[in-house]
Amino acid sequence: MFDVFIGQHENKIDAKARLSIPADFRKVIDQGHQDREPGTPATFLLVFGDERTPYLEGMTLARLKKITKQIRRMPKSDPRRNQLEEAIYEKSQQLVLDDTGRIVLPARGRDKLGISANDTVVFAGRGDSFRLWKPDAHATATERPPADPAIDYDPDRDPMDYLDGDEDDEE
């Protein structure tokens, strides 16, 4: 099974703050929580972030486990570790999918995005995570940054040109 978040979806929040997770995203969440007890619902992590991020980020518990290993390898005195711990462990919440694939979007997340009942949310796949956006913020964020010769970035170039080597090299 393919275990990455792909695509873009729009869903509405209902009057009780419930939000349906797209079916293909639910499959990835389910696959990323394989060590749960049989018959129990899948859960995932929703990271609220801070003022630097205009979106919420969702990830599987399998991804959280990999990130935790990376954080633990960093010295406790490293300020980058402190920021990561704050973002991943403090400014996040584990959410449970109900039997219809919905979550109750926490008030903290709704407030951050500036949304309420009957508003639309954009789900944007990012491979090993997905982002939840207010539609107008997502439209603004998808504008291309300026060229950066230091890293050979040209916004007018086909992004597929940046991939190196043969696709069969991996795994």
Protein backbone atom coordinates (compact mmCIF):
# COMPACT_ATOMS: atom_id res chain seq x y z
CA MET A 1 0.00 0.00 0.00
CA PHE A 2 1.16 3.54 -0.74
CA ASP A 3 1.76 5.34 2.54
CA VAL A 4 2.01 9.00 1.58
CA PHE A 5 -0.47 11.84 1.69
CA ILE A 6 -1.23 12.90 -1.89
CA GLY A 7 -3.65 15.39 -3.36
CA GLN A 8 -5.73 18.31 -2.33
CA HIS A 9 -9.23 18.12 -0.89
CA GLU A 10 -11.77 20.56 0.50
CA ASN A 11 -14.19 19.62 3.26
CA LYS A 12 -16.58 21.66 5.41
CA ILE A 13 -16.65 21.78 9.17
CA ASP A 14 -20.11 21.02 10.50
CA ALA A 15 -21.98 22.82 13.30
CA LYS A 16 -20.41 20.51 15.92
CA ALA A 17 -16.85 21.24 14.67
CA ARG A 18 -16.61 17.82 13.04
CA LEU A 19 -14.41 17.53 9.98
CA SER A 20 -14.31 14.54 7.65
CA ILE A 21 -10.80 13.37 6.79
CA PRO A 22 -10.50 12.51 3.08
CA ALA A 23 -10.76 8.75 2.48
CA ASP A 24 -7.31 8.40 0.93
CA PHE A 25 -5.78 10.31 3.87
CA ARG A 26 -7.63 8.00 6.30
CA LYS A 27 -5.97 5.00 4.64
CA VAL A 28 -2.53 6.50 5.25
CA ILE A 29 -3.44 7.34 8.87
CA ASP A 30 -4.70 3.79 9.38
CA GLN A 31 -1.53 2.31 7.90
CA GLY A 32 0.60 4.61 10.06
CA HIS A 33 -1.01 3.29 13.25
CA GLN A 34 -0.60 -0.46 12.83
CA ASP A 35 0.47 -1.22 16.41
CA ARG A 36 -2.91 -0.34 17.94
CA GLU A 37 -5.22 -2.86 19.55
CA PRO A 38 -7.50 -4.69 17.08
CA GLY A 39 -10.85 -2.98 16.73
CA THR A 40 -9.65 0.37 18.05
CA PRO A 41 -9.78 3.48 15.86
CA ALA A 42 -6.74 4.96 14.18
CA THR A 43 -5.21 8.11 15.62
CA PHE A 44 -2.85 10.71 14.25
CA LEU A 45 -1.01 13.78 15.48
CA LEU A 46 -2.21 17.28 14.66
CA VAL A 47 0.52 19.91 15.14
CA PHE A 48 -0.76 23.42 15.72
CA GLY A 49 2.60 25.16 15.32
CA ASP A 50 3.15 28.82 16.09
CA GLU A 51 2.78 32.16 14.35
CA ARG A 52 5.29 31.15 11.66
CA THR A 53 2.96 28.52 10.24
CA PRO A 54 -0.45 29.56 8.85
CA TYR A 55 -1.61 25.92 8.73
CA LEU A 56 -2.08 22.87 10.94
CA GLU A 57 -0.01 19.78 10.15
CA GLY A 58 -1.21 16.21 10.48
CA MET A 59 1.06 13.18 10.60
CA THR A 60 0.83 9.49 11.33
CA LEU A 61 2.03 8.01 14.59
CA ALA A 62 4.66 6.13 12.57
CA ARG A 63 6.01 9.49 11.39
CA LEU A 64 5.88 10.83 14.95
CA LYS A 65 7.97 7.85 16.05
CA LYS A 66 10.65 8.66 13.44
CA ILE A 67 10.70 12.32 14.44
CA THR A 68 11.00 11.36 18.12
CA LYS A 69 14.09 9.27 17.31
CA GLN A 70 15.62 12.25 15.50
CA ILE A 71 14.88 14.59 18.40
CA ARG A 72 16.34 12.16 20.95
CA ARG A 73 19.63 12.08 19.02
CA MET A 74 20.05 15.82 19.53
CA PRO A 75 21.81 17.13 22.64
CA LYS A 76 19.37 18.27 25.32
CA SER A 77 21.17 21.62 25.42
CA ASP A 78 20.57 22.26 21.71
CA PRO A 79 18.04 25.10 21.28
CA ARG A 80 16.81 23.45 18.06
CA ARG A 81 15.82 20.40 20.11
CA ASN A 82 13.89 22.64 22.48
CA GLN A 83 11.99 24.22 19.57
CA LEU A 84 11.21 20.81 18.07
CA GLU A 85 10.01 19.43 21.40
CA GLU A 86 7.77 22.45 21.87
CA ALA A 87 6.32 22.14 18.36
CA ILE A 88 5.87 18.37 18.33
CA TYR A 89 4.99 17.58 21.93
CA GLU A 90 3.49 20.78 23.39
CA LYS A 91 1.77 22.42 20.44
CA SER A 92 0.01 19.33 19.17
CA GLN A 93 -2.79 16.95 19.97
CA GLN A 94 -3.42 13.30 19.22
CA LEU A 95 -6.78 12.94 17.46
CA VAL A 96 -8.95 9.84 17.01
CA LEU A 97 -10.90 9.12 13.85
CA ASP A 98 -14.51 8.22 14.56
CA ASP A 99 -16.17 5.29 12.77
CA THR A 100 -17.10 7.54 9.83
CA GLY A 101 -13.60 9.01 9.43
CA ARG A 102 -14.27 12.32 11.13
CA ILE A 103 -12.50 14.26 13.87
CA VAL A 104 -13.62 17.10 16.06
CA LEU A 105 -11.29 19.90 15.05
CA PRO A 106 -10.08 21.41 18.33
CA ALA A 107 -10.97 25.03 19.09
CA ARG A 108 -7.26 25.83 19.18
CA GLY A 109 -6.95 24.72 15.56
CA ARG A 110 -10.11 26.50 14.43
CA ASP A 111 -8.91 29.69 16.10
CA LYS A 112 -5.48 29.48 14.52
CA LEU A 113 -6.94 29.05 11.04
CA GLY A 114 -9.66 31.63 11.67
CA ILE A 115 -12.48 29.27 10.76
CA SER A 116 -15.79 28.23 12.30
CA ALA A 117 -18.83 26.04 11.60
CA ASN A 118 -19.72 25.59 7.93
CA ASP A 119 -16.36 26.97 6.76
CA THR A 120 -14.25 25.03 4.31
CA VAL A 121 -10.81 23.59 5.05
CA VAL A 122 -8.21 22.66 2.43
CA PHE A 123 -6.34 19.39 2.99
CA ALA A 124 -3.00 19.47 1.16
CA GLY A 125 -0.91 16.32 0.93
CA ARG A 126 2.80 16.76 1.67
CA GLY A 127 4.06 13.18 1.40
CA ASP A 128 4.76 12.16 4.99
CA SER A 129 2.31 14.71 6.38
CA PHE A 130 -0.65 16.83 5.35
CA ARG A 131 -1.60 20.41 6.02
CA LEU A 132 -4.95 21.96 6.90
CA TRP A 133 -5.43 25.46 5.55
CA LYS A 134 -8.02 28.17 5.37
CA PRO A 135 -8.65 28.33 1.59
CA ASP A 136 -7.50 31.92 1.04
CA ALA A 137 -4.31 31.36 3.08
CA HIS A 138 -3.55 28.25 1.04
CA ALA A 139 -3.99 30.14 -2.22
CA THR A 140 -1.52 32.81 -1.06
CA ALA A 141 0.99 30.26 0.26
CA THR A 142 1.20 28.38 -3.03
CA GLU A 143 2.72 31.38 -4.77
CA ARG A 144 6.29 30.57 -5.84
CA PRO A 145 9.22 32.14 -3.99
CA PRO A 146 11.76 34.15 -5.97
CA ALA A 147 14.72 32.54 -7.73
CA ASP A 148 17.69 31.56 -5.55
CA PRO A 149 20.88 30.98 -7.57
CA ALA A 150 22.73 29.80 -4.43
CA ILE A 151 20.71 26.58 -4.49
CA ASP A 152 19.99 26.51 -8.24
CA TYR A 153 16.31 27.29 -7.72
CA ASP A 154 14.34 28.78 -10.59
CA PRO A 155 10.58 29.18 -9.97
CA ASP A 156 9.90 28.90 -13.71
CA ARG A 157 11.67 25.54 -14.04
CA ASP A 158 9.75 22.25 -14.01
CA PRO A 159 10.10 20.98 -10.40
CA MET A 160 10.58 17.41 -11.65
CA ASP A 161 13.98 18.58 -13.00
CA TYR A 162 15.24 18.79 -9.41
CA LEU A 163 14.98 15.03 -8.85
CA ASP A 164 18.31 13.26 -9.11
CA GLY A 165 18.99 9.80 -10.50
CA ASP A 166 16.77 6.92 -11.42
CA GLU A 167 13.53 6.34 -9.52
CA ASP A 168 14.49 2.66 -9.13
CA ASP A 169 17.51 3.63 -6.99
CA GLU A 170 15.37 3.84 -3.86
CA GLU A 171 14.25 0.85 -1.78
